[in-house]
Amino acid sequence: MSTIDWTVLIFTLVAVVVYGVFIGRGQKSNESYLKADNKMPWYIVLIGIMATQASAITFLSAPGQAYTDGMRFVQYYFGLPLAMIVICITFIPIFQRLNVYTAYEYLENRFDKKTRVLTSLLFLFSRGLSTGISIYAPSIILSSVLNWDIYLTNVLTGGILLIYTYIGGAKAIAHTQKIQFLIILGTMAFAGYLLIQNMPNGIGFKDALYLAGKSGKLNVITTEFDWKDKYNIWSGLIGGFFLALSYFGTDQSQVGRYITAKDNTNAKMGLLLNGLVKIPMQFAILLIGALLFAFFSLKPAPIYFNERSYQNLKETQPEQAAVYEKEHQDLQNKFNSESKEILKLKETQSPQLNNKIEDFKNTQTQVKALHGRVEEAINNSKYNAEKTDTNYIFLYFVKNTLPVGMIGLLFAVIFLASWGSISAGLNSLAACSLKDVHLIFKKEIPDDATELKYSRLHTLAWGIFSIGVAMFATQMGSLIEAVNVLGSLFYGPILGIFLVAFYFKKVKGLNVFISAILSEITVIAIYNFDIVSFLWLNVIGAAAVIIFSAIGLLFYKPKVVNS
């Protein structure tokens, strides 16, 4: 990067850290550190919810996901608006009335202590791993730009954001997320504009959309039902509904955002607006990926977007790499030529257009097959490379196309997006491990100063844990998919526990405790045997808790105490 880019990057990151430390200073109790004194208005709640969900993975990996698999990933969010309505009706009033620090406090009141601890542990394990993956995403950038070891950049990325998260708690997180998200949205919109502006002369937005459509990248709606298809309208509406219901209703990283609201109205407005805004935002981010495919069908594309991994292959297998490069050069020239011919014929409505589109698709298939062979060769080499280059596609475009200054700002955006979700994750992990595990087994209740010290130590510990997880994230492929698969392994049983708590009053603690364990075992078994796609695991996990609890009632009916 240029000196200007480095200046923009460093200034932006330092400014956010300083602002976070300043705004979060003077913490004196956990009420402030973990809940921001319940003073957040609806728009801060909205931004906090969106920033927590939209990590660097969203902005780094989602365009690559669309580039490789099309825009059908957006269907993953189709169940979100309905889930927001259910949470506003059922979840928020209960959490606000009980004035909880964590969602799992309610479960002790409804069931018993062991159910609260079990549910919190399921959350802690899944969110701890997911936060580690979120640290790894921006580490890719530092590693690529500086040519530094990925393990060193993991430590730097996770360590910097710990400064204001450790000091300022929920208040610092909420206000820095506000600044971060505004910068992110503006910069991503400008990046999309520059993508169109950098198309070859005479080729505009409609032409790029046309090429993306003919290449199958605008596959927003997939109606064919298939249990093993990860992204179709059925898995999105049903599986996505259950995943969103669990994530926003029972995951402390999100619950912790809206329990900081002033009141029920502000919490509900933040959630409902998230349901309305999230799908268009995700659509726009995925559209950038589809347009990137059109861009690289008209201009030279690299044989592999992870340049460091491919360079290692060239050094270890130079003869094989030379064969790959010759084939790639021929295919890329052919692909670029066919793309331009299609756009010319499109304007004339020539009868040859359909034949050229078929040639274009055949070449696209050959390019994809070559990419697969290169990727297999890299993964089979001794070099410890990422499984795919999906996470590097948008990064490659930024590094090699955008103007000076914009590159540094876009790199800063990916850091800011990461910090927004990671800081909220660490805050929620600290709240749960302290309130649901540490203090629940402590006989003496600590004073405010001691409890605040414990909260900061828990935040620090989870930061170190998440950095450790990031060290093993290199083999997870598409990060946006990996983090959602991981969540789906745990969200279903957690949601099932809450659904039983809300709607099945006859079920008591021991019953739901055993049912939750059996449900988690069921979900992991189904995933290991690859029976259905991961979104359905959320439905299965929640339904399993309910079914096992109903079966339990047949064998154990709690005594009814007459009043």
Protein backbone atom coordinates (compact mmCIF):
# COMPACT_ATOMS: atom_id res chain seq x y z
CA MET A 1 0.00 0.00 0.00
CA SER A 2 1.01 3.62 -0.50
CA THR A 3 1.94 6.01 2.31
CA ILE A 4 -1.44 7.72 1.92
CA ASP A 5 -3.26 4.40 2.30
CA TRP A 6 -1.29 3.55 5.42
CA THR A 7 -2.04 6.99 6.84
CA VAL A 8 -5.79 6.61 6.19
CA LEU A 9 -5.83 3.08 7.65
CA ILE A 10 -3.87 3.89 10.81
CA PHE A 11 -5.63 7.21 11.46
CA THR A 12 -9.09 5.63 11.14
CA LEU A 13 -8.29 2.71 13.46
CA VAL A 14 -6.52 4.84 16.08
CA ALA A 15 -9.37 7.37 16.06
CA VAL A 16 -11.94 4.64 16.77
CA VAL A 17 -9.85 3.12 19.59
CA VAL A 18 -9.29 6.54 21.21
CA TYR A 19 -12.98 7.39 20.87
CA GLY A 20 -13.96 4.04 22.42
CA VAL A 21 -11.63 4.54 25.39
CA PHE A 22 -12.86 8.13 25.84
CA ILE A 23 -16.58 7.37 25.65
CA GLY A 24 -16.28 4.31 27.90
CA ARG A 25 -14.22 5.89 30.64
CA GLY A 26 -15.41 6.11 34.25
CA GLN A 27 -17.02 2.66 34.58
CA LYS A 28 -17.96 1.99 38.20
CA SER A 29 -20.35 -0.97 38.10
CA ASN A 30 -21.49 -3.92 35.98
CA GLU A 31 -24.79 -2.14 35.31
CA SER A 32 -22.76 0.30 33.22
CA TYR A 33 -20.05 -2.08 31.98
CA LEU A 34 -22.37 -4.87 30.79
CA LYS A 35 -25.65 -3.00 30.11
CA ALA A 36 -24.63 0.63 29.39
CA ASP A 37 -26.97 1.76 32.19
CA ASN A 38 -29.99 0.91 29.97
CA LYS A 39 -29.84 4.30 28.24
CA MET A 40 -29.53 3.41 24.55
CA PRO A 41 -32.10 4.87 22.08
CA TRP A 42 -33.61 2.75 19.28
CA TYR A 43 -31.18 3.89 16.56
CA ILE A 44 -28.15 2.90 18.66
CA VAL A 45 -29.85 -0.45 19.33
CA LEU A 46 -30.48 -0.91 15.58
CA ILE A 47 -26.89 -0.10 14.62
CA GLY A 48 -25.56 -2.30 17.43
CA ILE A 49 -27.66 -5.27 16.29
CA MET A 50 -26.61 -4.86 12.66
CA ALA A 51 -22.95 -4.17 13.44
CA THR A 52 -22.79 -7.23 15.71
CA GLN A 53 -24.17 -9.46 12.97
CA ALA A 54 -22.35 -7.81 10.05
CA SER A 55 -18.76 -8.61 10.93
CA ALA A 56 -15.72 -8.39 8.66
CA ILE A 57 -16.83 -11.82 7.42
CA THR A 58 -19.89 -10.14 5.87
CA PHE A 59 -17.88 -7.56 3.94
CA LEU A 60 -14.86 -9.73 3.14
CA SER A 61 -16.38 -13.15 2.47
CA ALA A 62 -19.90 -12.37 1.19
CA PRO A 63 -18.75 -10.85 -2.13
CA GLY A 64 -16.53 -13.90 -2.64
CA GLN A 65 -19.47 -16.16 -1.78
CA ALA A 66 -21.56 -14.50 -4.51
CA TYR A 67 -18.62 -14.62 -6.95
CA THR A 68 -18.31 -18.39 -6.57
CA ASP A 69 -21.89 -19.51 -5.82
CA GLY A 70 -24.12 -16.65 -6.89
CA MET A 71 -26.47 -14.53 -4.82
CA ARG A 72 -28.66 -17.35 -3.49
CA PHE A 73 -27.02 -16.92 -0.09
CA VAL A 74 -29.41 -13.97 0.46
CA GLN A 75 -32.24 -16.50 0.94
CA TYR A 76 -30.57 -17.36 4.23
CA TYR A 77 -32.09 -14.12 5.60
CA PHE A 78 -35.66 -14.55 4.34
CA GLY A 79 -36.93 -15.84 7.69
CA LEU A 80 -35.43 -12.88 9.55
CA PRO A 81 -38.34 -10.36 9.51
CA LEU A 82 -40.83 -12.89 10.91
CA ALA A 83 -38.35 -13.89 13.62
CA MET A 84 -38.02 -10.22 14.65
CA ILE A 85 -41.80 -10.00 15.16
CA VAL A 86 -41.89 -13.14 17.33
CA ILE A 87 -38.98 -11.88 19.47
CA CYS A 88 -40.66 -8.50 19.98
CA ILE A 89 -43.88 -10.18 21.11
CA THR A 90 -42.40 -12.89 23.35
CA PHE A 91 -38.74 -12.43 24.24
CA ILE A 92 -38.19 -8.70 24.80
CA PRO A 93 -41.04 -8.13 27.30
CA ILE A 94 -39.75 -10.96 29.49
CA PHE A 95 -36.11 -9.86 29.40
CA GLN A 96 -37.05 -6.23 30.11
CA ARG A 97 -39.43 -7.13 32.94
CA LEU A 98 -36.83 -9.30 34.69
CA ASN A 99 -34.06 -6.72 34.03
CA VAL A 100 -31.65 -9.53 33.17
CA TYR A 101 -27.93 -9.23 32.45
CA THR A 102 -28.05 -12.37 30.26
CA ALA A 103 -30.83 -14.19 28.44
CA TYR A 104 -30.09 -17.30 30.46
CA GLU A 105 -30.98 -15.75 33.83
CA TYR A 106 -34.63 -16.27 32.87
CA LEU A 107 -34.06 -20.02 32.57
CA GLU A 108 -33.10 -20.33 36.22
CA ASN A 109 -36.36 -18.65 37.20
CA ARG A 110 -38.35 -20.86 34.84
CA PHE A 111 -36.50 -24.16 35.30
CA ASP A 112 -33.46 -24.47 37.55
CA LYS A 113 -29.81 -23.57 37.94
CA LYS A 114 -28.37 -26.49 35.95
CA THR A 115 -30.52 -25.66 32.89
CA ARG A 116 -29.29 -22.06 33.02
CA VAL A 117 -25.68 -23.18 33.24
CA LEU A 118 -26.04 -25.78 30.44
CA THR A 119 -27.63 -23.28 28.04
CA SER A 120 -25.01 -20.66 28.85
CA LEU A 121 -22.21 -23.19 28.26
CA LEU A 122 -23.66 -24.08 24.85
CA PHE A 123 -23.68 -20.38 24.00
CA LEU A 124 -20.18 -19.78 25.37
CA PHE A 125 -18.71 -22.61 23.31
CA SER A 126 -20.40 -21.61 20.04
CA ARG A 127 -19.90 -17.85 20.42
CA GLY A 128 -16.29 -18.26 21.58
CA LEU A 129 -15.48 -20.23 18.42
CA SER A 130 -17.41 -17.82 16.17
CA THR A 131 -15.63 -14.81 17.67
CA GLY A 132 -12.30 -16.48 16.91
CA ILE A 133 -13.33 -16.88 13.27
CA SER A 134 -14.30 -13.20 13.22
CA ILE A 135 -10.81 -12.27 14.39
CA TYR A 136 -9.27 -14.35 11.62
CA ALA A 137 -11.17 -12.51 8.84
CA PRO A 138 -9.36 -9.14 9.13
CA SER A 139 -6.12 -10.94 9.94
CA ILE A 140 -6.17 -12.14 6.33
CA ILE A 141 -5.87 -8.51 5.26
CA LEU A 142 -2.83 -7.70 7.37
CA SER A 143 -1.23 -10.95 6.33
CA SER A 144 -1.83 -10.26 2.65
CA VAL A 145 -0.88 -6.58 2.68
CA LEU A 146 2.20 -6.82 4.88
CA ASN A 147 3.21 -10.34 3.89
CA TRP A 148 3.30 -11.16 7.60
CA ASP A 149 2.59 -14.53 9.17
CA ILE A 150 -1.15 -15.05 9.72
CA TYR A 151 -0.59 -16.09 13.34
CA LEU A 152 1.10 -12.78 14.14
CA THR A 153 -1.70 -10.79 12.50
CA ASN A 154 -4.29 -12.76 14.53
CA VAL A 155 -2.63 -11.52 17.72
CA LEU A 156 -2.49 -7.91 16.45
CA THR A 157 -6.08 -7.88 15.24
CA GLY A 158 -7.55 -9.34 18.40
CA GLY A 159 -5.25 -7.42 20.70
CA ILE A 160 -5.99 -3.90 19.41
CA LEU A 161 -9.77 -4.08 19.83
CA LEU A 162 -9.35 -5.51 23.34
CA ILE A 163 -8.14 -2.07 24.47
CA TYR A 164 -11.47 -0.26 24.32
CA THR A 165 -13.57 -3.39 24.91
CA TYR A 166 -11.68 -4.13 28.13
CA ILE A 167 -11.83 -0.54 29.36
CA GLY A 168 -15.20 0.75 28.16
CA GLY A 169 -17.56 -2.25 28.11
CA ALA A 170 -21.07 -2.04 26.58
CA LYS A 171 -21.13 1.77 26.42
CA ALA A 172 -17.90 1.98 24.43
CA ILE A 173 -19.07 -0.85 22.17
CA ALA A 174 -22.44 0.77 21.44
CA HIS A 175 -20.99 4.17 20.52
CA THR A 176 -18.03 2.86 18.52
CA GLN A 177 -20.42 0.59 16.58
CA LYS A 178 -22.37 3.71 15.60
CA ILE A 179 -19.28 5.36 14.08
CA GLN A 180 -18.01 2.11 12.58
CA PHE A 181 -21.24 1.24 10.82
CA LEU A 182 -21.72 4.65 9.24
CA ILE A 183 -18.17 4.53 7.83
CA ILE A 184 -18.71 0.96 6.63
CA LEU A 185 -21.95 1.60 4.73
CA GLY A 186 -20.63 4.73 3.05
CA THR A 187 -17.37 3.10 2.00
CA MET A 188 -18.98 -0.11 0.69
CA ALA A 189 -21.44 1.93 -1.38
CA PHE A 190 -18.54 3.92 -2.84
CA ALA A 191 -16.62 0.69 -3.56
CA GLY A 192 -19.62 -0.59 -5.53
CA TYR A 193 -19.68 2.66 -7.49
CA LEU A 194 -15.95 2.39 -8.26
CA LEU A 195 -16.42 -1.22 -9.37
CA ILE A 196 -18.80 -0.07 -12.11
CA GLN A 197 -16.58 2.89 -13.00
CA ASN A 198 -13.60 0.54 -13.51
CA MET A 199 -15.41 -1.63 -16.05
CA PRO A 200 -13.94 -1.44 -19.60
CA ASN A 201 -14.97 1.63 -21.63
CA GLY A 202 -18.56 1.59 -22.80
CA ILE A 203 -19.68 -1.09 -20.35
CA GLY A 204 -22.09 0.06 -17.65
CA PHE A 205 -24.13 -1.28 -14.78
CA LYS A 206 -26.79 -2.93 -16.99
CA ASP A 207 -24.14 -4.69 -19.07
CA ALA A 208 -22.42 -6.00 -15.94
CA LEU A 209 -25.77 -7.23 -14.59
CA TYR A 210 -26.47 -8.96 -17.90
CA LEU A 211 -23.16 -10.86 -17.80
CA ALA A 212 -23.66 -11.73 -14.13
CA GLY A 213 -27.12 -13.05 -14.94
CA LYS A 214 -25.97 -15.18 -17.86
CA SER A 215 -23.20 -16.65 -15.69
CA GLY A 216 -25.79 -17.74 -13.11
CA LYS A 217 -24.64 -15.33 -10.40
CA LEU A 218 -28.01 -13.55 -9.99
CA ASN A 219 -29.72 -16.69 -8.71
CA VAL A 220 -31.45 -14.82 -5.87
CA ILE A 221 -34.44 -17.18 -5.62
CA THR A 222 -34.02 -20.97 -5.76
CA THR A 223 -37.41 -22.68 -5.44
CA GLU A 224 -36.41 -26.32 -5.90
CA PHE A 225 -36.70 -28.19 -2.60
CA ASP A 226 -33.66 -30.21 -1.58
CA TRP A 227 -32.75 -31.20 1.99
CA LYS A 228 -29.05 -31.01 1.17
CA ASP A 229 -29.18 -27.70 -0.71
CA LYS A 230 -27.77 -25.09 1.66
CA TYR A 231 -29.52 -22.09 0.12
CA ASN A 232 -33.02 -22.21 -1.30
CA ILE A 233 -36.21 -20.38 -0.44
CA TRP A 234 -37.47 -23.21 1.80
CA SER A 235 -34.32 -23.56 3.89
CA GLY A 236 -34.14 -19.76 4.03
CA LEU A 237 -37.72 -19.18 5.17
CA ILE A 238 -37.98 -22.11 7.59
CA GLY A 239 -34.40 -22.84 8.63
CA GLY A 240 -33.49 -19.16 8.45
CA PHE A 241 -36.49 -18.28 10.65
CA PHE A 242 -35.40 -20.69 13.37
CA LEU A 243 -31.76 -19.60 13.11
CA ALA A 244 -32.71 -15.90 13.34
CA LEU A 245 -35.11 -16.62 16.20
CA SER A 246 -32.34 -18.33 18.13
CA TYR A 247 -29.59 -15.88 17.19
CA PHE A 248 -31.49 -12.68 17.95
CA GLY A 249 -33.66 -14.12 20.71
CA THR A 250 -31.26 -16.30 22.70
CA ASP A 251 -27.69 -15.44 21.66
CA GLN A 252 -26.30 -13.08 24.29
CA SER A 253 -24.22 -11.19 21.72
CA GLN A 254 -27.53 -9.90 20.29
CA VAL A 255 -29.63 -9.93 23.45
CA GLY A 256 -26.90 -7.83 25.04
CA ARG A 257 -27.48 -5.14 22.38
CA TYR A 258 -31.21 -4.62 22.95
CA ILE A 259 -31.31 -5.06 26.73
CA THR A 260 -29.25 -1.84 26.83
CA ALA A 261 -32.27 0.01 25.38
CA LYS A 262 -34.13 2.66 27.37
CA ASP A 263 -37.36 0.66 27.34
CA ASN A 264 -39.44 -1.94 25.48
CA THR A 265 -40.37 0.46 22.69
CA ASN A 266 -36.79 1.37 21.83
CA ALA A 267 -35.69 -2.29 21.96
CA LYS A 268 -38.55 -3.39 19.68
CA MET A 269 -38.01 -0.57 17.19
CA GLY A 270 -34.34 -1.49 16.88
CA LEU A 271 -35.13 -5.15 16.23
CA LEU A 272 -38.02 -4.58 13.81
CA LEU A 273 -36.04 -2.12 11.71
CA ASN A 274 -33.18 -4.63 11.60
CA GLY A 275 -35.63 -7.12 10.06
CA LEU A 276 -36.52 -4.58 7.36
CA VAL A 277 -33.01 -3.32 6.57
CA LYS A 278 -30.90 -6.48 6.77
CA ILE A 279 -32.10 -8.21 3.59
CA PRO A 280 -31.56 -5.19 1.27
CA MET A 281 -28.14 -4.57 2.84
CA GLN A 282 -27.06 -8.18 2.37
CA PHE A 283 -28.46 -8.17 -1.17
CA ALA A 284 -26.32 -5.14 -2.02
CA ILE A 285 -23.16 -6.73 -0.59
CA LEU A 286 -23.75 -9.96 -2.52
CA LEU A 287 -24.48 -7.93 -5.65
CA ILE A 288 -20.95 -6.53 -5.43
CA GLY A 289 -19.71 -10.14 -5.64
CA ALA A 290 -21.88 -10.87 -8.70
CA LEU A 291 -20.62 -7.68 -10.37
CA LEU A 292 -17.07 -8.70 -9.51
CA PHE A 293 -17.62 -11.84 -11.58
CA ALA A 294 -18.71 -9.68 -14.52
CA PHE A 295 -15.66 -7.46 -13.95
CA PHE A 296 -13.25 -10.39 -14.10
CA SER A 297 -15.02 -11.87 -17.11
CA LEU A 298 -14.09 -8.69 -18.97
CA LYS A 299 -10.64 -8.10 -17.49
CA PRO A 300 -7.74 -10.44 -16.63
CA ALA A 301 -8.32 -12.42 -13.46
CA PRO A 302 -5.63 -14.22 -11.46
CA ILE A 303 -5.39 -17.97 -11.62
CA TYR A 304 -5.91 -18.02 -7.83
CA PHE A 305 -6.98 -15.03 -5.70
CA ASN A 306 -4.92 -16.06 -2.68
CA GLU A 307 -1.63 -14.90 -4.16
CA ARG A 308 0.57 -16.11 -1.31
CA SER A 309 -0.77 -19.65 -1.51
CA TYR A 310 -0.33 -19.78 -5.26
CA GLN A 311 3.19 -18.33 -5.02
CA ASN A 312 4.11 -21.19 -2.73
CA LEU A 313 2.76 -23.67 -5.28
CA LYS A 314 4.88 -22.03 -7.97
CA GLU A 315 7.98 -22.35 -5.81
CA THR A 316 7.39 -25.99 -4.88
CA GLN A 317 5.91 -27.23 -8.18
CA PRO A 318 7.16 -24.84 -10.88
CA GLU A 319 6.57 -27.19 -13.83
CA GLN A 320 2.99 -27.97 -12.84
CA ALA A 321 2.31 -24.28 -12.15
CA ALA A 322 3.59 -23.38 -15.63
CA VAL A 323 1.10 -25.84 -17.18
CA TYR A 324 -1.72 -24.33 -15.10
CA GLU A 325 -0.75 -20.78 -16.10
CA LYS A 326 -0.66 -21.58 -19.82
CA GLU A 327 -4.13 -23.15 -19.66
CA HIS A 328 -5.41 -20.27 -17.54
CA GLN A 329 -4.07 -17.65 -19.95
CA ASP A 330 -5.76 -19.33 -22.93
CA LEU A 331 -9.06 -19.75 -21.09
CA GLN A 332 -9.01 -16.22 -19.69
CA ASN A 333 -8.40 -14.67 -23.10
CA LYS A 334 -11.22 -16.75 -24.53
CA PHE A 335 -13.53 -15.85 -21.64
CA ASN A 336 -12.82 -12.13 -21.91
CA SER A 337 -13.36 -12.21 -25.66
CA GLU A 338 -16.66 -14.11 -25.40
CA SER A 339 -17.94 -11.74 -22.72
CA LYS A 340 -17.33 -8.70 -24.91
CA GLU A 341 -18.90 -10.40 -27.95
CA ILE A 342 -22.03 -11.23 -25.94
CA LEU A 343 -22.46 -7.60 -24.94
CA LYS A 344 -22.05 -6.48 -28.57
CA LEU A 345 -24.57 -9.05 -29.83
CA LYS A 346 -26.99 -8.16 -27.02
CA GLU A 347 -27.43 -4.69 -28.46
CA THR A 348 -28.12 -6.02 -31.98
CA GLN A 349 -30.35 -8.93 -30.87
CA SER A 350 -28.40 -11.16 -33.26
CA PRO A 351 -29.55 -14.81 -33.60
CA GLN A 352 -25.95 -15.77 -32.81
CA LEU A 353 -26.39 -14.49 -29.25
CA ASN A 354 -27.66 -17.77 -27.81
CA ASN A 355 -24.76 -19.69 -29.33
CA LYS A 356 -22.26 -17.22 -27.87
CA ILE A 357 -23.91 -17.49 -24.45
CA GLU A 358 -23.53 -21.27 -24.59
CA ASP A 359 -19.85 -20.89 -25.50
CA PHE A 360 -19.49 -18.39 -22.62
CA LYS A 361 -21.01 -20.86 -20.14
CA ASN A 362 -18.83 -23.71 -21.38
CA THR A 363 -15.70 -21.61 -20.96
CA GLN A 364 -16.91 -20.56 -17.52
CA THR A 365 -17.19 -24.26 -16.61
CA GLN A 366 -13.63 -24.89 -17.84
CA VAL A 367 -12.29 -21.91 -15.85
CA LYS A 368 -14.01 -23.23 -12.73
CA ALA A 369 -12.61 -26.72 -13.30
CA LEU A 370 -9.07 -25.36 -13.69
CA HIS A 371 -9.50 -23.32 -10.52
CA GLY A 372 -10.59 -26.50 -8.73
CA ARG A 373 -7.46 -28.36 -9.87
CA VAL A 374 -5.21 -25.49 -8.74
CA GLU A 375 -6.97 -25.35 -5.40
CA GLU A 376 -6.61 -29.10 -4.92
CA ALA A 377 -2.89 -28.91 -5.73
CA ILE A 378 -2.45 -26.10 -3.17
CA ASN A 379 -4.38 -27.99 -0.49
CA ASN A 380 -2.35 -31.13 -1.15
CA SER A 381 0.93 -29.27 -0.81
CA LYS A 382 2.85 -29.07 2.47
CA TYR A 383 2.04 -25.37 2.71
CA ASN A 384 -0.62 -24.73 5.39
CA ALA A 385 -2.96 -22.75 3.12
CA GLU A 386 -6.64 -21.84 3.40
CA LYS A 387 -8.95 -24.36 1.81
CA THR A 388 -10.33 -21.85 -0.71
CA ASP A 389 -9.57 -18.36 -2.01
CA THR A 390 -13.17 -17.17 -1.54
CA ASN A 391 -12.17 -14.75 1.19
CA TYR A 392 -9.52 -13.13 -1.04
CA ILE A 393 -11.62 -12.24 -4.11
CA PHE A 394 -12.90 -8.85 -2.94
CA LEU A 395 -9.54 -8.18 -1.28
CA TYR A 396 -7.73 -8.77 -4.61
CA PHE A 397 -10.01 -6.27 -6.36
CA VAL A 398 -9.40 -3.66 -3.65
CA LYS A 399 -5.62 -4.05 -3.74
CA ASN A 400 -5.26 -4.03 -7.52
CA THR A 401 -7.99 -1.68 -8.74
CA LEU A 402 -9.06 1.02 -6.30
CA PRO A 403 -7.35 4.44 -6.15
CA VAL A 404 -4.85 5.57 -3.53
CA GLY A 405 -6.50 6.42 -0.22
CA MET A 406 -9.58 4.32 -0.98
CA ILE A 407 -7.57 1.13 -0.47
CA GLY A 408 -6.56 2.16 3.04
CA LEU A 409 -10.13 3.20 3.88
CA LEU A 410 -11.58 -0.10 2.66
CA PHE A 411 -9.05 -2.06 4.68
CA ALA A 412 -10.02 0.08 7.68
CA VAL A 413 -13.69 -0.74 7.01
CA ILE A 414 -13.02 -4.46 7.23
CA PHE A 415 -11.24 -3.94 10.54
CA LEU A 416 -14.06 -1.74 11.87
CA ALA A 417 -16.69 -4.28 10.85
CA SER A 418 -14.71 -6.98 12.59
CA TRP A 419 -14.27 -4.94 15.74
CA GLY A 420 -17.98 -4.18 15.92
CA SER A 421 -18.96 -7.84 16.07
CA ILE A 422 -15.95 -9.09 18.04
CA SER A 423 -16.27 -6.46 20.78
CA ALA A 424 -19.96 -7.28 21.21
CA GLY A 425 -19.08 -10.98 21.24
CA LEU A 426 -16.44 -10.55 23.92
CA ASN A 427 -18.79 -8.41 26.02
CA SER A 428 -21.53 -11.06 25.81
CA LEU A 429 -19.10 -13.89 26.56
CA ALA A 430 -17.84 -12.03 29.63
CA ALA A 431 -21.39 -11.34 30.83
CA CYS A 432 -22.40 -15.01 30.51
CA SER A 433 -19.27 -16.62 31.94
CA LEU A 434 -19.38 -14.20 34.88
CA LYS A 435 -23.10 -14.13 35.64
CA ASP A 436 -24.13 -17.64 34.56
CA VAL A 437 -21.08 -19.67 35.60
CA HIS A 438 -18.61 -17.81 37.85
CA LEU A 439 -20.89 -15.95 40.26
CA ILE A 440 -23.61 -18.59 40.29
CA PHE A 441 -21.26 -20.94 42.13
CA LYS A 442 -19.77 -18.26 44.35
CA LYS A 443 -21.23 -18.17 47.87
CA GLU A 444 -20.49 -14.51 48.59
CA ILE A 445 -21.81 -11.76 46.34
CA PRO A 446 -18.91 -9.39 45.45
CA ASP A 447 -19.21 -5.61 45.73
CA ASP A 448 -19.55 -3.42 42.62
CA ALA A 449 -15.82 -2.74 42.27
CA THR A 450 -14.87 -6.41 42.58
CA GLU A 451 -17.58 -7.52 40.15
CA LEU A 452 -16.43 -4.91 37.63
CA LYS A 453 -12.87 -6.23 37.96
CA TYR A 454 -14.16 -9.76 37.34
CA SER A 455 -16.01 -8.58 34.21
CA ARG A 456 -12.86 -7.07 32.77
CA LEU A 457 -10.83 -10.20 33.55
CA HIS A 458 -13.48 -12.36 31.84
CA THR A 459 -13.35 -10.03 28.81
CA LEU A 460 -9.57 -10.38 28.66
CA ALA A 461 -9.73 -14.17 29.02
CA TRP A 462 -12.26 -14.53 26.19
CA GLY A 463 -10.16 -12.23 24.02
CA ILE A 464 -7.16 -14.52 24.48
CA PHE A 465 -9.33 -17.61 23.84
CA SER A 466 -10.75 -16.13 20.62
CA ILE A 467 -7.28 -15.25 19.34
CA GLY A 468 -6.32 -18.88 19.99
CA VAL A 469 -9.31 -20.08 17.93
CA ALA A 470 -8.31 -17.75 15.09
CA MET A 471 -5.02 -19.65 14.84
CA PHE A 472 -6.96 -22.71 13.63
CA ALA A 473 -9.38 -20.91 11.28
CA THR A 474 -7.24 -21.27 8.16
CA GLN A 475 -8.86 -24.57 7.20
CA MET A 476 -12.50 -23.43 7.37
CA GLY A 477 -13.01 -22.33 3.75
CA SER A 478 -15.63 -19.61 3.22
CA LEU A 479 -15.75 -17.82 6.57
CA ILE A 480 -19.31 -16.54 6.20
CA GLU A 481 -20.47 -20.11 5.68
CA ALA A 482 -18.25 -21.56 8.40
CA VAL A 483 -19.55 -19.21 11.09
CA ASN A 484 -23.17 -19.97 10.17
CA VAL A 485 -22.59 -23.73 10.15
CA LEU A 486 -21.00 -23.46 13.57
CA GLY A 487 -23.96 -21.48 14.92
CA SER A 488 -26.44 -23.98 13.50
CA LEU A 489 -24.87 -26.79 15.54
CA PHE A 490 -25.91 -25.08 18.78
CA TYR A 491 -28.64 -22.55 18.08
CA GLY A 492 -31.43 -25.12 17.59
CA PRO A 493 -31.17 -26.77 21.05
CA ILE A 494 -30.72 -23.36 22.73
CA LEU A 495 -33.83 -22.04 20.98
CA GLY A 496 -35.73 -25.22 21.87
CA ILE A 497 -35.04 -24.66 25.57
CA PHE A 498 -36.49 -21.15 25.38
CA LEU A 499 -39.53 -22.26 23.35
CA VAL A 500 -40.29 -24.91 25.95
CA ALA A 501 -39.82 -22.30 28.69
CA PHE A 502 -42.26 -19.88 27.02
CA TYR A 503 -44.96 -22.18 25.70
CA PHE A 504 -44.87 -25.53 27.57
CA LYS A 505 -45.56 -24.69 31.18
CA LYS A 506 -45.87 -28.32 32.33
CA VAL A 507 -42.24 -29.10 31.44
CA LYS A 508 -39.85 -28.68 34.37
CA GLY A 509 -36.09 -28.41 34.83
CA LEU A 510 -34.85 -32.01 34.81
CA ASN A 511 -36.99 -32.86 31.80
CA VAL A 512 -35.77 -29.99 29.61
CA PHE A 513 -32.17 -30.44 30.81
CA ILE A 514 -32.06 -34.06 29.59
CA SER A 515 -33.97 -33.13 26.43
CA ALA A 516 -31.45 -30.41 25.58
CA ILE A 517 -28.51 -32.81 25.92
CA LEU A 518 -30.25 -35.43 23.75
CA SER A 519 -31.13 -32.73 21.20
CA GLU A 520 -27.52 -31.54 20.93
CA ILE A 521 -26.32 -35.12 20.44
CA THR A 522 -28.96 -35.56 17.71
CA VAL A 523 -27.92 -32.39 15.87
CA ILE A 524 -24.21 -33.27 15.92
CA ALA A 525 -24.97 -36.81 14.70
CA ILE A 526 -27.12 -35.53 11.81
CA TYR A 527 -24.41 -33.04 10.84
CA ASN A 528 -21.65 -35.67 10.95
CA PHE A 529 -23.65 -38.01 8.71
CA ASP A 530 -24.43 -35.12 6.31
CA ILE A 531 -28.14 -35.91 6.20
CA VAL A 532 -29.43 -32.36 5.62
CA SER A 533 -27.95 -28.92 4.90
CA PHE A 534 -26.89 -26.90 7.91
CA LEU A 535 -29.87 -24.47 8.02
CA TRP A 536 -32.23 -27.36 8.78
CA LEU A 537 -30.19 -28.20 11.87
CA ASN A 538 -31.76 -25.17 13.57
CA VAL A 539 -35.26 -26.53 12.99
CA ILE A 540 -34.27 -30.06 14.01
CA GLY A 541 -32.49 -28.93 17.18
CA ALA A 542 -35.41 -26.79 18.39
CA ALA A 543 -38.00 -29.44 17.49
CA ALA A 544 -35.96 -32.19 19.17
CA VAL A 545 -35.97 -30.38 22.54
CA ILE A 546 -39.75 -29.99 22.33
CA ILE A 547 -40.30 -33.62 21.28
CA PHE A 548 -37.96 -35.07 23.90
CA SER A 549 -39.60 -32.87 26.54
CA ALA A 550 -43.06 -34.10 25.51
CA ILE A 551 -41.86 -37.70 25.68
CA GLY A 552 -40.40 -36.97 29.10
CA LEU A 553 -43.83 -35.89 30.35
CA LEU A 554 -45.13 -39.38 29.61
CA PHE A 555 -42.66 -40.84 32.09
CA TYR A 556 -42.40 -38.03 34.58
CA LYS A 557 -45.28 -35.77 35.52
CA PRO A 558 -44.35 -33.17 38.11
CA LYS A 559 -46.58 -32.83 41.11
CA VAL A 560 -49.16 -30.09 40.92
CA VAL A 561 -49.17 -27.95 44.01
CA ASN A 562 -52.67 -26.74 44.90
CA SER A 563 -52.82 -23.16 46.02
